[in-house]
Amino acid sequence: MNWRTLIYQIPREPQKNRVAVWRRLKSIGALNVLQSIWILPDSEEAKEEFRKIVDQINSNGGQSISCVTLIDDEEENKKLINQFNKEREEDYKEILEKCDDFELEIEKEIKRENFTFAEVEENENEIEKLNIWLKKVERKDYFDCQMKAEVIRRIQECILLLNNFSNKVFEIDEKSKEGSL
């Protein structure tokens, strides 16, 4: 399998430059295989992302090279793929935790009988955040981590929960209008 590889060295100070490179590599889902050696599955997108990072490193006094690496040992490729999936599992677990939080929040509002439009809007924003986060993780999920399906299912359950809550708010609002006539 071919891998896009980034090898770099960047001055220790200022530390913000090193952190900026690290954050960018993490944001695209690159895997740190050895100190200052990162990989992605080879693609045009990976090539372009690493080109941008090379420019960033070089403009901050560092040195870097992006190249294609062939690993012809299938077991080594499987290990790397498993490492990529393990990192995505961590991302997906965090989304699942936020789904748990969302469900608890809706449950709390139902117990408090806090059936307000403001609560609906707030929770719609939370669903939107979950979906945005999911899309970010999906862009880094190069090998279709198995946990993705569970996360999609749980977000759908959260949406259903919100729809039911929203319907309840609507019903209560309609009843209050009828009572005031």
N, C-alpha and C. Protein backbone atom coordinates (compact mmCIF):
# COMPACT_ATOMS: atom_id res chain seq x y z
N MET A 1 0.85 -1.18 0.00
CA MET A 1 0.00 0.00 0.00
C MET A 1 0.89 1.24 0.00
N ASN A 2 0.45 2.27 -0.70
CA ASN A 2 1.18 3.53 -0.72
C ASN A 2 0.66 4.47 0.36
N TRP A 3 1.59 5.13 1.01
CA TRP A 3 1.28 6.09 2.06
C TRP A 3 1.93 7.41 1.73
N ARG A 4 1.22 8.49 1.97
CA ARG A 4 1.81 9.82 1.86
C ARG A 4 2.50 10.06 3.20
N THR A 5 3.78 10.40 3.14
CA THR A 5 4.59 10.53 4.35
C THR A 5 5.12 11.95 4.48
N LEU A 6 5.06 12.48 5.68
CA LEU A 6 5.64 13.79 5.99
C LEU A 6 6.69 13.60 7.07
N ILE A 7 7.88 14.07 6.75
CA ILE A 7 9.01 14.01 7.70
C ILE A 7 9.45 15.45 7.90
N TYR A 8 9.57 15.86 9.15
CA TYR A 8 9.93 17.26 9.36
C TYR A 8 10.71 17.47 10.65
N GLN A 9 11.32 18.64 10.67
CA GLN A 9 12.03 19.10 11.85
C GLN A 9 11.71 20.59 11.95
N ILE A 10 11.34 21.03 13.12
CA ILE A 10 10.98 22.44 13.31
C ILE A 10 11.62 22.93 14.61
N PRO A 11 12.12 24.15 14.64
CA PRO A 11 12.75 24.65 15.86
C PRO A 11 11.83 24.55 17.08
N ARG A 12 12.41 24.27 18.23
CA ARG A 12 11.63 24.13 19.47
C ARG A 12 10.93 25.42 19.86
N GLU A 13 11.55 26.53 19.56
CA GLU A 13 10.98 27.82 19.93
C GLU A 13 10.75 28.66 18.68
N PRO A 14 9.70 29.38 18.58
CA PRO A 14 8.61 29.43 19.55
C PRO A 14 7.75 28.16 19.46
N GLN A 15 7.31 27.70 20.60
CA GLN A 15 6.55 26.46 20.68
C GLN A 15 5.24 26.54 19.89
N LYS A 16 4.69 27.73 19.75
CA LYS A 16 3.41 27.87 19.04
C LYS A 16 3.49 27.33 17.61
N ASN A 17 4.67 27.43 16.98
CA ASN A 17 4.83 26.91 15.61
C ASN A 17 4.73 25.39 15.59
N ARG A 18 5.36 24.75 16.57
CA ARG A 18 5.29 23.28 16.67
C ARG A 18 3.86 22.83 16.95
N VAL A 19 3.20 23.55 17.86
CA VAL A 19 1.82 23.20 18.22
C VAL A 19 0.90 23.39 17.02
N ALA A 20 1.10 24.46 16.26
CA ALA A 20 0.26 24.72 15.08
C ALA A 20 0.38 23.58 14.06
N VAL A 21 1.59 23.10 13.85
CA VAL A 21 1.80 21.98 12.91
C VAL A 21 1.14 20.72 13.45
N TRP A 22 1.35 20.44 14.72
CA TRP A 22 0.74 19.26 15.35
C TRP A 22 -0.78 19.31 15.23
N ARG A 23 -1.37 20.46 15.53
CA ARG A 23 -2.82 20.60 15.46
C ARG A 23 -3.33 20.38 14.04
N ARG A 24 -2.62 20.91 13.08
CA ARG A 24 -3.04 20.74 11.68
C ARG A 24 -2.96 19.28 11.26
N LEU A 25 -1.89 18.61 11.66
CA LEU A 25 -1.76 17.18 11.34
C LEU A 25 -2.88 16.38 11.99
N LYS A 26 -3.20 16.68 13.23
CA LYS A 26 -4.28 15.96 13.92
C LYS A 26 -5.62 16.26 13.26
N SER A 27 -5.82 17.50 12.83
CA SER A 27 -7.11 17.87 12.26
C SER A 27 -7.39 17.16 10.94
N ILE A 28 -6.35 16.76 10.21
CA ILE A 28 -6.57 16.04 8.95
C ILE A 28 -6.53 14.52 9.16
N GLY A 29 -6.29 14.10 10.39
CA GLY A 29 -6.30 12.67 10.69
C GLY A 29 -5.01 11.96 10.37
N ALA A 30 -3.91 12.71 10.24
CA ALA A 30 -2.61 12.06 9.98
C ALA A 30 -2.22 11.24 11.20
N LEU A 31 -1.47 10.18 10.95
CA LEU A 31 -1.02 9.28 12.01
C LEU A 31 0.46 9.50 12.25
N ASN A 32 0.80 9.73 13.52
CA ASN A 32 2.19 9.92 13.91
C ASN A 32 2.81 8.54 14.15
N VAL A 33 3.65 8.10 13.21
CA VAL A 33 4.23 6.76 13.31
C VAL A 33 5.54 6.75 14.07
N LEU A 34 6.32 7.79 13.94
CA LEU A 34 7.56 7.98 14.69
C LEU A 34 7.69 9.48 14.94
N GLN A 35 8.61 9.86 15.81
CA GLN A 35 8.77 11.28 16.09
C GLN A 35 8.95 12.07 14.80
N SER A 36 8.07 13.02 14.58
CA SER A 36 8.09 13.91 13.41
C SER A 36 7.95 13.18 12.08
N ILE A 37 7.37 12.00 12.09
CA ILE A 37 7.03 11.29 10.85
C ILE A 37 5.54 10.95 10.92
N TRP A 38 4.81 11.50 9.97
CA TRP A 38 3.36 11.36 9.93
C TRP A 38 2.96 10.77 8.58
N ILE A 39 1.85 10.01 8.58
CA ILE A 39 1.38 9.41 7.34
C ILE A 39 -0.12 9.59 7.16
N LEU A 40 -0.50 9.50 5.91
CA LEU A 40 -1.89 9.42 5.49
C LEU A 40 -1.95 8.42 4.34
N PRO A 41 -3.10 7.82 4.09
CA PRO A 41 -3.20 7.02 2.87
C PRO A 41 -2.92 7.94 1.68
N ASP A 42 -2.20 7.46 0.72
CA ASP A 42 -1.81 8.30 -0.41
C ASP A 42 -3.03 8.68 -1.25
N SER A 43 -3.17 9.97 -1.46
CA SER A 43 -4.24 10.50 -2.31
C SER A 43 -3.84 11.92 -2.71
N GLU A 44 -4.56 12.48 -3.66
CA GLU A 44 -4.31 13.87 -4.06
C GLU A 44 -4.60 14.81 -2.90
N GLU A 45 -5.64 14.51 -2.12
CA GLU A 45 -5.98 15.36 -0.97
C GLU A 45 -4.86 15.34 0.06
N ALA A 46 -4.33 14.15 0.33
CA ALA A 46 -3.23 14.03 1.29
C ALA A 46 -2.01 14.78 0.79
N LYS A 47 -1.73 14.65 -0.49
CA LYS A 47 -0.59 15.35 -1.08
C LYS A 47 -0.74 16.86 -0.90
N GLU A 48 -1.92 17.37 -1.16
CA GLU A 48 -2.18 18.81 -1.03
C GLU A 48 -2.10 19.27 0.43
N GLU A 49 -2.68 18.48 1.32
CA GLU A 49 -2.63 18.84 2.76
C GLU A 49 -1.19 18.89 3.25
N PHE A 50 -0.41 17.87 2.90
CA PHE A 50 0.98 17.84 3.34
C PHE A 50 1.79 18.97 2.67
N ARG A 51 1.45 19.33 1.44
CA ARG A 51 2.13 20.44 0.78
C ARG A 51 1.92 21.73 1.58
N LYS A 52 0.70 21.95 2.05
CA LYS A 52 0.40 23.15 2.85
C LYS A 52 1.19 23.12 4.16
N ILE A 53 1.28 21.95 4.77
CA ILE A 53 2.01 21.84 6.03
C ILE A 53 3.51 22.02 5.80
N VAL A 54 4.02 21.49 4.70
CA VAL A 54 5.44 21.70 4.35
C VAL A 54 5.71 23.20 4.24
N ASP A 55 4.83 23.92 3.56
CA ASP A 55 5.00 25.38 3.43
C ASP A 55 4.99 26.04 4.81
N GLN A 56 4.09 25.60 5.66
CA GLN A 56 3.99 26.15 7.01
C GLN A 56 5.28 25.90 7.80
N ILE A 57 5.76 24.68 7.74
CA ILE A 57 6.99 24.31 8.46
C ILE A 57 8.18 25.12 7.94
N ASN A 58 8.34 25.12 6.62
CA ASN A 58 9.48 25.80 6.01
C ASN A 58 9.45 27.31 6.27
N SER A 59 8.26 27.90 6.30
CA SER A 59 8.17 29.34 6.55
C SER A 59 8.43 29.69 8.01
N ASN A 60 8.46 28.68 8.87
CA ASN A 60 8.76 28.91 10.29
C ASN A 60 10.13 28.39 10.67
N GLY A 61 11.03 28.31 9.71
CA GLY A 61 12.41 27.95 10.01
C GLY A 61 12.68 26.46 10.11
N GLY A 62 11.71 25.64 9.71
CA GLY A 62 11.90 24.20 9.78
C GLY A 62 12.31 23.61 8.44
N GLN A 63 12.47 22.32 8.44
CA GLN A 63 12.78 21.57 7.23
C GLN A 63 11.79 20.42 7.14
N SER A 64 11.39 20.10 5.92
CA SER A 64 10.42 19.02 5.78
C SER A 64 10.47 18.44 4.37
N ILE A 65 9.92 17.26 4.29
CA ILE A 65 9.79 16.60 2.99
C ILE A 65 8.50 15.78 3.03
N SER A 66 7.79 15.81 1.93
CA SER A 66 6.61 14.98 1.76
C SER A 66 6.91 14.02 0.61
N CYS A 67 6.63 12.77 0.82
CA CYS A 67 6.92 11.77 -0.21
C CYS A 67 5.93 10.62 -0.10
N VAL A 68 6.00 9.73 -1.06
CA VAL A 68 5.18 8.53 -1.04
C VAL A 68 6.05 7.38 -0.55
N THR A 69 5.50 6.62 0.38
CA THR A 69 6.19 5.46 0.92
C THR A 69 5.38 4.21 0.57
N LEU A 70 6.03 3.23 0.02
CA LEU A 70 5.38 1.96 -0.27
C LEU A 70 5.71 1.00 0.86
N ILE A 71 4.67 0.45 1.48
CA ILE A 71 4.87 -0.61 2.46
C ILE A 71 4.27 -1.86 1.83
N ASP A 72 5.14 -2.79 1.48
CA ASP A 72 4.67 -3.98 0.76
C ASP A 72 4.37 -5.15 1.67
N ASP A 73 4.56 -4.97 2.98
CA ASP A 73 4.22 -6.00 3.96
C ASP A 73 2.78 -5.78 4.41
N GLU A 74 1.91 -6.71 4.04
CA GLU A 74 0.48 -6.56 4.31
C GLU A 74 0.18 -6.47 5.80
N GLU A 75 0.93 -7.18 6.62
CA GLU A 75 0.73 -7.12 8.08
C GLU A 75 1.04 -5.73 8.61
N GLU A 76 2.09 -5.11 8.10
CA GLU A 76 2.43 -3.74 8.52
C GLU A 76 1.34 -2.76 8.10
N ASN A 77 0.81 -2.94 6.90
CA ASN A 77 -0.29 -2.09 6.45
C ASN A 77 -1.51 -2.26 7.35
N LYS A 78 -1.82 -3.49 7.71
CA LYS A 78 -2.97 -3.75 8.60
C LYS A 78 -2.77 -3.08 9.95
N LYS A 79 -1.54 -3.13 10.47
CA LYS A 79 -1.25 -2.47 11.75
C LYS A 79 -1.51 -0.97 11.66
N LEU A 80 -1.06 -0.37 10.56
CA LEU A 80 -1.28 1.06 10.39
C LEU A 80 -2.76 1.39 10.26
N ILE A 81 -3.47 0.60 9.49
CA ILE A 81 -4.92 0.81 9.34
C ILE A 81 -5.61 0.68 10.69
N ASN A 82 -5.20 -0.31 11.48
CA ASN A 82 -5.78 -0.48 12.81
C ASN A 82 -5.49 0.73 13.70
N GLN A 83 -4.30 1.32 13.57
CA GLN A 83 -3.97 2.51 14.34
C GLN A 83 -4.85 3.69 13.92
N PHE A 84 -5.04 3.84 12.61
CA PHE A 84 -5.94 4.89 12.13
C PHE A 84 -7.34 4.69 12.72
N ASN A 85 -7.84 3.46 12.66
CA ASN A 85 -9.19 3.19 13.16
C ASN A 85 -9.28 3.38 14.67
N LYS A 86 -8.22 3.05 15.38
CA LYS A 86 -8.22 3.25 16.83
C LYS A 86 -8.35 4.74 17.16
N GLU A 87 -7.67 5.59 16.41
CA GLU A 87 -7.78 7.03 16.64
C GLU A 87 -9.19 7.53 16.31
N ARG A 88 -9.78 7.01 15.26
CA ARG A 88 -11.15 7.42 14.92
C ARG A 88 -12.13 6.93 15.98
N GLU A 89 -11.88 5.73 16.53
CA GLU A 89 -12.74 5.23 17.61
C GLU A 89 -12.75 6.20 18.77
N GLU A 90 -11.60 6.77 19.10
CA GLU A 90 -11.54 7.76 20.18
C GLU A 90 -12.40 8.97 19.85
N ASP A 91 -12.33 9.42 18.60
CA ASP A 91 -13.17 10.55 18.18
C ASP A 91 -14.65 10.19 18.28
N TYR A 92 -14.99 9.01 17.78
CA TYR A 92 -16.39 8.59 17.80
C TYR A 92 -16.89 8.39 19.23
N LYS A 93 -16.04 7.89 20.12
CA LYS A 93 -16.44 7.73 21.52
C LYS A 93 -16.81 9.07 22.15
N GLU A 94 -16.06 10.10 21.81
CA GLU A 94 -16.38 11.43 22.33
C GLU A 94 -17.73 11.91 21.83
N ILE A 95 -18.03 11.64 20.58
CA ILE A 95 -19.34 12.03 20.05
C ILE A 95 -20.44 11.25 20.78
N LEU A 96 -20.20 9.97 21.02
CA LEU A 96 -21.19 9.17 21.75
C LEU A 96 -21.42 9.72 23.16
N GLU A 97 -20.37 10.18 23.81
CA GLU A 97 -20.51 10.79 25.13
C GLU A 97 -21.38 12.04 25.05
N LYS A 98 -21.21 12.82 23.99
CA LYS A 98 -22.04 14.02 23.81
C LYS A 98 -23.49 13.62 23.52
N CYS A 99 -23.70 12.50 22.85
CA CYS A 99 -25.06 12.00 22.64
C CYS A 99 -25.69 11.63 23.99
N ASP A 100 -24.90 10.98 24.85
CA ASP A 100 -25.38 10.67 26.20
C ASP A 100 -25.78 11.94 26.93
N ASP A 101 -24.93 12.96 26.85
CA ASP A 101 -25.21 14.24 27.50
C ASP A 101 -26.49 14.86 26.96
N PHE A 102 -26.67 14.77 25.65
CA PHE A 102 -27.86 15.33 25.01
C PHE A 102 -29.11 14.62 25.54
N GLU A 103 -29.07 13.30 25.59
CA GLU A 103 -30.22 12.54 26.06
C GLU A 103 -30.55 12.88 27.51
N LEU A 104 -29.52 13.04 28.33
CA LEU A 104 -29.73 13.42 29.74
C LEU A 104 -30.32 14.82 29.84
N GLU A 105 -29.89 15.71 28.99
CA GLU A 105 -30.41 17.08 28.98
C GLU A 105 -31.89 17.09 28.63
N ILE A 106 -32.29 16.36 27.62
CA ILE A 106 -33.71 16.30 27.24
C ILE A 106 -34.52 15.68 28.38
N GLU A 107 -34.00 14.61 28.96
CA GLU A 107 -34.67 13.95 30.09
C GLU A 107 -34.86 14.93 31.25
N LYS A 108 -33.82 15.71 31.53
CA LYS A 108 -33.88 16.69 32.62
C LYS A 108 -34.95 17.75 32.34
N GLU A 109 -35.00 18.23 31.11
CA GLU A 109 -35.99 19.26 30.76
C GLU A 109 -37.41 18.72 30.82
N ILE A 110 -37.59 17.45 30.47
CA ILE A 110 -38.92 16.83 30.56
C ILE A 110 -39.32 16.72 32.02
N LYS A 111 -38.41 16.28 32.90
CA LYS A 111 -38.73 16.16 34.33
C LYS A 111 -39.06 17.52 34.93
N ARG A 112 -38.35 18.56 34.48
CA ARG A 112 -38.59 19.91 34.98
C ARG A 112 -39.82 20.55 34.33
N GLU A 113 -40.36 19.85 33.33
CA GLU A 113 -41.48 20.37 32.53
C GLU A 113 -41.12 21.73 31.93
N ASN A 114 -39.90 21.82 31.47
CA ASN A 114 -39.39 23.05 30.85
C ASN A 114 -39.64 22.98 29.34
N PHE A 115 -40.91 23.06 28.99
CA PHE A 115 -41.30 22.92 27.59
C PHE A 115 -41.38 24.30 26.95
N THR A 116 -40.21 24.83 26.61
CA THR A 116 -40.14 26.17 26.02
C THR A 116 -39.48 26.10 24.66
N PHE A 117 -39.83 27.09 23.85
CA PHE A 117 -39.22 27.18 22.53
C PHE A 117 -37.72 27.43 22.65
N ALA A 118 -37.31 28.20 23.65
CA ALA A 118 -35.88 28.46 23.86
C ALA A 118 -35.13 27.15 24.08
N GLU A 119 -35.72 26.23 24.80
CA GLU A 119 -35.09 24.92 25.03
C GLU A 119 -34.98 24.14 23.73
N VAL A 120 -36.00 24.22 22.90
CA VAL A 120 -35.96 23.55 21.60
C VAL A 120 -34.81 24.11 20.76
N GLU A 121 -34.72 25.44 20.70
CA GLU A 121 -33.65 26.07 19.92
C GLU A 121 -32.27 25.68 20.43
N GLU A 122 -32.11 25.70 21.75
CA GLU A 122 -30.82 25.33 22.35
C GLU A 122 -30.43 23.91 21.96
N ASN A 123 -31.38 23.01 22.02
CA ASN A 123 -31.08 21.62 21.71
C ASN A 123 -30.93 21.37 20.21
N GLU A 124 -31.60 22.17 19.39
CA GLU A 124 -31.35 22.10 17.94
C GLU A 124 -29.90 22.48 17.64
N ASN A 125 -29.41 23.48 18.35
CA ASN A 125 -28.00 23.88 18.19
C ASN A 125 -27.06 22.76 18.59
N GLU A 126 -27.41 22.02 19.62
CA GLU A 126 -26.58 20.89 20.06
C GLU A 126 -26.55 19.79 19.00
N ILE A 127 -27.69 19.52 18.39
CA ILE A 127 -27.76 18.53 17.31
C ILE A 127 -26.89 18.99 16.14
N GLU A 128 -26.97 20.28 15.81
CA GLU A 128 -26.17 20.82 14.72
C GLU A 128 -24.68 20.64 15.02
N LYS A 129 -24.27 20.89 16.26
CA LYS A 129 -22.87 20.71 16.66
C LYS A 129 -22.45 19.25 16.51
N LEU A 130 -23.33 18.33 16.92
CA LEU A 130 -23.02 16.91 16.78
C LEU A 130 -22.81 16.55 15.31
N ASN A 131 -23.66 17.04 14.44
CA ASN A 131 -23.55 16.74 13.01
C ASN A 131 -22.29 17.34 12.39
N ILE A 132 -21.94 18.55 12.80
CA ILE A 132 -20.71 19.18 12.31
C ILE A 132 -19.51 18.38 12.77
N TRP A 133 -19.51 17.98 14.03
CA TRP A 133 -18.41 17.19 14.59
C TRP A 133 -18.29 15.86 13.86
N LEU A 134 -19.44 15.21 13.61
CA LEU A 134 -19.44 13.95 12.88
C LEU A 134 -18.81 14.13 11.50
N LYS A 135 -19.16 15.17 10.80
CA LYS A 135 -18.60 15.41 9.46
C LYS A 135 -17.08 15.59 9.53
N LYS A 136 -16.59 16.28 10.55
CA LYS A 136 -15.14 16.46 10.72
C LYS A 136 -14.45 15.12 10.93
N VAL A 137 -15.05 14.28 11.75
CA VAL A 137 -14.45 12.96 12.02
C VAL A 137 -14.54 12.09 10.78
N GLU A 138 -15.66 12.14 10.07
CA GLU A 138 -15.81 11.34 8.84
C GLU A 138 -14.73 11.68 7.82
N ARG A 139 -14.36 12.96 7.73
CA ARG A 139 -13.31 13.36 6.78
C ARG A 139 -11.97 12.72 7.13
N LYS A 140 -11.78 12.37 8.40
CA LYS A 140 -10.52 11.75 8.84
C LYS A 140 -10.63 10.23 8.91
N ASP A 141 -11.82 9.71 8.67
CA ASP A 141 -12.07 8.27 8.80
C ASP A 141 -11.76 7.59 7.47
N TYR A 142 -10.47 7.41 7.22
CA TYR A 142 -10.01 6.90 5.92
C TYR A 142 -10.34 5.43 5.69
N PHE A 143 -10.60 4.70 6.76
CA PHE A 143 -10.78 3.25 6.61
C PHE A 143 -12.12 2.77 7.18
N ASP A 144 -13.11 3.65 7.17
CA ASP A 144 -14.47 3.30 7.60
C ASP A 144 -14.51 2.54 8.93
N CYS A 145 -14.10 3.22 9.95
CA CYS A 145 -14.13 2.66 11.30
C CYS A 145 -15.54 2.13 11.61
N GLN A 146 -15.60 0.95 12.19
CA GLN A 146 -16.89 0.30 12.46
C GLN A 146 -17.79 1.11 13.39
N MET A 147 -17.19 1.92 14.24
CA MET A 147 -17.96 2.67 15.22
C MET A 147 -18.81 3.78 14.57
N LYS A 148 -18.49 4.13 13.36
CA LYS A 148 -19.20 5.20 12.66
C LYS A 148 -20.70 4.92 12.59
N ALA A 149 -21.08 3.71 12.26
CA ALA A 149 -22.50 3.36 12.13
C ALA A 149 -23.24 3.57 13.45
N GLU A 150 -22.60 3.21 14.55
CA GLU A 150 -23.22 3.40 15.86
C GLU A 150 -23.43 4.89 16.16
N VAL A 151 -22.45 5.70 15.80
CA VAL A 151 -22.56 7.14 16.04
C VAL A 151 -23.69 7.73 15.21
N ILE A 152 -23.79 7.34 13.96
CA ILE A 152 -24.87 7.84 13.10
C ILE A 152 -26.22 7.44 13.68
N ARG A 153 -26.32 6.19 14.14
CA ARG A 153 -27.58 5.71 14.74
C ARG A 153 -27.93 6.52 15.99
N ARG A 154 -26.94 6.77 16.83
CA ARG A 154 -27.18 7.52 18.07
C ARG A 154 -27.57 8.97 17.79
N ILE A 155 -26.97 9.59 16.81
CA ILE A 155 -27.35 10.97 16.48
C ILE A 155 -28.79 10.97 15.95
N GLN A 156 -29.16 9.97 15.16
CA GLN A 156 -30.55 9.87 14.69
C GLN A 156 -31.51 9.71 15.86
N GLU A 157 -31.11 8.95 16.87
CA GLU A 157 -31.94 8.80 18.07
C GLU A 157 -32.08 10.13 18.80
N CYS A 158 -31.00 10.89 18.85
CA CYS A 158 -31.05 12.22 19.48
C CYS A 158 -32.00 13.14 18.71
N ILE A 159 -31.95 13.06 17.39
CA ILE A 159 -32.84 13.88 16.57
C ILE A 159 -34.29 13.50 16.82
N LEU A 160 -34.57 12.21 16.91
CA LEU A 160 -35.93 11.74 17.20
C LEU A 160 -36.38 12.23 18.57
N LEU A 161 -35.50 12.14 19.54
CA LEU A 161 -35.79 12.61 20.89
C LEU A 161 -36.12 14.11 20.86
N LEU A 162 -35.33 14.87 20.12
CA LEU A 162 -35.58 16.31 20.01
C LEU A 162 -36.91 16.57 19.30
N ASN A 163 -37.20 15.81 18.25
CA ASN A 163 -38.47 15.99 17.54
C ASN A 163 -39.65 15.73 18.47
N ASN A 164 -39.56 14.69 19.28
CA ASN A 164 -40.62 14.38 20.24
C ASN A 164 -40.76 15.50 21.27
N PHE A 165 -39.62 16.01 21.75
CA PHE A 165 -39.63 17.11 22.71
C PHE A 165 -40.25 18.35 22.06
N SER A 166 -39.84 18.64 20.84
CA SER A 166 -40.36 19.80 20.11
C SER A 166 -41.87 19.68 19.90
N ASN A 167 -42.35 18.49 19.57
CA ASN A 167 -43.79 18.28 19.41
C ASN A 167 -44.52 18.55 20.71
N LYS A 168 -43.94 18.12 21.82
CA LYS A 168 -44.54 18.34 23.14
C LYS A 168 -44.60 19.85 23.44
N VAL A 169 -43.54 20.57 23.13
CA VAL A 169 -43.52 22.02 23.33
C VAL A 169 -44.61 22.67 22.48
N PHE A 170 -44.74 22.24 21.24
CA PHE A 170 -45.77 22.78 20.35
C PHE A 170 -47.16 22.52 20.91
N GLU A 171 -47.41 21.28 21.35
CA GLU A 171 -48.73 20.93 21.90
C GLU A 171 -49.06 21.79 23.10
N ILE A 172 -48.11 21.96 23.98
CA ILE A 172 -48.34 22.76 25.19
C ILE A 172 -48.58 24.22 24.82
N ASP A 173 -47.83 24.72 23.85
CA ASP A 173 -48.01 26.10 23.40
C ASP A 173 -49.40 26.28 22.79
N GLU A 174 -49.84 25.32 21.99
CA GLU A 174 -51.18 25.39 21.37
C GLU A 174 -52.27 25.35 22.42
N LYS A 175 -52.11 24.48 23.42
CA LYS A 175 -53.11 24.37 24.50
C LYS A 175 -53.17 25.66 25.31
N SER A 176 -52.02 26.28 25.53
CA SER A 176 -52.02 27.53 26.30
C SER A 176 -52.70 28.65 25.51
N LYS A 177 -52.59 28.63 24.19
CA LYS A 177 -53.27 29.63 23.35
C LYS A 177 -54.79 29.41 23.39
N GLU A 178 -55.19 28.12 23.35
CA GLU A 178 -56.62 27.81 23.41
C GLU A 178 -57.20 28.23 24.74
N GLY A 179 -56.45 28.05 25.81
CA GLY A 179 -56.94 28.42 27.15
C GLY A 179 -57.03 29.90 27.36
N SER A 180 -56.25 30.66 26.61
CA SER A 180 -56.25 32.10 26.80
C SER A 180 -57.33 32.78 25.97
N LEU A 181 -58.01 32.02 25.11
CA LEU A 181 -59.07 32.61 24.27
C LEU A 181 -60.37 32.74 24.97
